[in-house]
C-alpha atoms as a PDB file:
ATOM      1  CA  UNK A   1     116.811 266.816 224.142  1.00  0.00           C
ATOM      2  CA  UNK A   2     115.751 269.533 226.570  1.00  0.00           C
ATOM      3  CA  UNK A   3     117.386 272.914 227.020  1.00  0.00           C
ATOM      4  CA  UNK A   4     118.469 274.321 230.367  1.00  0.00           C
ATOM      5  CA  UNK A   5     118.669 278.028 231.094  1.00  0.00           C
ATOM      6  CA  UNK A   6     121.366 279.405 233.374  1.00  0.00           C
ATOM      7  CA  UNK A   7     122.028 282.896 234.673  1.00  0.00           C
ATOM      8  CA  UNK A   8     124.239 285.301 232.759  1.00  0.00           C
ATOM      9  CA  UNK A   9     126.694 285.371 235.671  1.00  0.00           C
ATOM     10  CA  UNK A  10     127.100 281.581 235.649  1.00  0.00           C
ATOM     11  CA  UNK A  11     127.526 281.577 231.868  1.00  0.00           C
ATOM     12  CA  UNK A  12     130.173 284.297 232.097  1.00  0.00           C
ATOM     13  CA  UNK A  13     132.024 282.349 234.812  1.00  0.00           C
ATOM     14  CA  UNK A  14     131.961 279.214 232.640  1.00  0.00           C
ATOM     15  CA  UNK A  15     133.347 281.191 229.698  1.00  0.00           C
ATOM     16  CA  UNK A  16     136.095 282.703 231.869  1.00  0.00           C
ATOM     17  CA  UNK A  17     137.075 279.277 233.163  1.00  0.00           C
ATOM     18  CA  UNK A  18     136.978 277.303 229.917  1.00  0.00           C
ATOM     19  CA  UNK A  19     138.162 279.856 227.369  1.00  0.00           C
ATOM     20  CA  UNK A  20     140.466 282.053 229.414  1.00  0.00           C
ATOM     21  CA  UNK A  21     141.594 279.485 231.987  1.00  0.00           C
ATOM     22  CA  UNK A  22     140.595 281.571 235.022  1.00  0.00           C
ATOM     23  CA  UNK A  23     140.699 279.219 238.015  1.00  0.00           C
ATOM     24  CA  UNK A  24     139.397 281.829 240.480  1.00  0.00           C
ATOM     25  CA  UNK A  25     135.763 281.305 239.458  1.00  0.00           C
ATOM     26  CA  UNK A  26     135.546 277.563 240.212  1.00  0.00           C
ATOM     27  CA  UNK A  27     133.635 278.056 243.482  1.00  0.00           C
ATOM     28  CA  UNK A  28     131.145 280.356 241.747  1.00  0.00           C
ATOM     29  CA  UNK A  29     130.641 277.780 238.981  1.00  0.00           C
ATOM     30  CA  UNK A  30     130.243 274.923 241.457  1.00  0.00           C
ATOM     31  CA  UNK A  31     127.670 276.825 243.537  1.00  0.00           C
ATOM     32  CA  UNK A  32     125.744 277.962 240.459  1.00  0.00           C
ATOM     33  CA  UNK A  33     125.576 274.466 238.989  1.00  0.00           C
ATOM     34  CA  UNK A  34     124.525 272.921 242.315  1.00  0.00           C
ATOM     35  CA  UNK A  35     121.780 275.540 242.660  1.00  0.00           C
ATOM     36  CA  UNK A  36     120.571 274.819 239.117  1.00  0.00           C
ATOM     37  CA  UNK A  37     120.628 271.054 239.689  1.00  0.00           C
ATOM     38  CA  UNK A  38     118.591 271.428 242.893  1.00  0.00           C
ATOM     39  CA  UNK A  39     116.033 273.532 241.022  1.00  0.00           C
ATOM     40  CA  UNK A  40     115.804 270.915 238.261  1.00  0.00           C
ATOM     41  CA  UNK A  41     115.245 268.132 240.797  1.00  0.00           C
ATOM     42  CA  UNK A  42     112.516 270.150 242.531  1.00  0.00           C
ATOM     43  CA  UNK A  43     110.860 270.815 239.171  1.00  0.00           C
ATOM     44  CA  UNK A  44     110.907 267.094 238.331  1.00  0.00           C
ATOM     45  CA  UNK A  45     109.435 266.163 241.727  1.00  0.00           C
ATOM     46  CA  UNK A  46     106.677 268.759 241.337  1.00  0.00           C
ATOM     47  CA  UNK A  47     105.873 267.399 237.873  1.00  0.00           C
ATOM     48  CA  UNK A  48     105.674 263.857 239.254  1.00  0.00           C
ATOM     49  CA  UNK A  49     103.384 265.090 242.026  1.00  0.00           C
ATOM     50  CA  UNK A  50     101.011 266.655 239.515  1.00  0.00           C
ATOM     51  CA  UNK A  51     100.999 263.812 236.952  1.00  0.00           C
ATOM     52  CA  UNK A  52     101.432 260.586 238.945  1.00  0.00           C
ATOM     53  CA  UNK A  53      98.856 257.959 237.961  1.00  0.00           C
ATOM     54  CA  UNK A  54      98.051 256.743 241.474  1.00  0.00           C
ATOM     55  CA  UNK A  55      97.278 258.530 244.715  1.00  0.00           C
ATOM     56  CA  UNK A  56     100.140 256.746 246.517  1.00  0.00           C
ATOM     57  CA  UNK A  57     102.687 257.895 243.920  1.00  0.00           C
ATOM     58  CA  UNK A  58     101.338 261.458 244.067  1.00  0.00           C
ATOM     59  CA  UNK A  59     101.658 261.495 247.852  1.00  0.00           C
ATOM     60  CA  UNK A  60     105.220 260.115 247.703  1.00  0.00           C
ATOM     61  CA  UNK A  61     106.222 262.759 245.143  1.00  0.00           C
ATOM     62  CA  UNK A  62     104.493 265.510 247.156  1.00  0.00           C
ATOM     63  CA  UNK A  63     106.393 264.551 250.303  1.00  0.00           C
ATOM     64  CA  UNK A  64     109.702 264.374 248.412  1.00  0.00           C
ATOM     65  CA  UNK A  65     109.046 267.791 246.869  1.00  0.00           C
ATOM     66  CA  UNK A  66     108.160 269.387 250.215  1.00  0.00           C
ATOM     67  CA  UNK A  67     111.235 267.791 251.823  1.00  0.00           C
ATOM     68  CA  UNK A  68     113.458 269.192 249.071  1.00  0.00           C
ATOM     69  CA  UNK A  69     111.942 272.655 249.609  1.00  0.00           C
ATOM     70  CA  UNK A  70     112.570 272.413 253.351  1.00  0.00           C
ATOM     71  CA  UNK A  71     108.913 272.763 254.373  1.00  0.00           C
ATOM     72  CA  UNK A  72     108.532 271.573 257.999  1.00  0.00           C
ATOM     73  CA  UNK A  73     106.025 268.802 258.746  1.00  0.00           C
ATOM     74  CA  UNK A  74     104.073 271.091 261.068  1.00  0.00           C
ATOM     75  CA  UNK A  75     103.376 273.466 258.161  1.00  0.00           C
ATOM     76  CA  UNK A  76     102.099 270.804 255.743  1.00  0.00           C
ATOM     77  CA  UNK A  77      98.482 269.870 255.100  1.00  0.00           C
END
């Protein structure tokens, strides 16, 4: 099983919510987790791009990675 690192601020917000019952930090938690999930997806796509066995799979993963990063088509090689 892999480990995932999160920021101290997100960890503190999770602690406040789950142990203290502070409902005011739910938006902060939601945004932090969505940001972390997006980063994990980008990391997986980049890994697929670098390790795909065929050229077609590498190109598909490269395009998906660049799309997720928001790189415009006119800026791509």
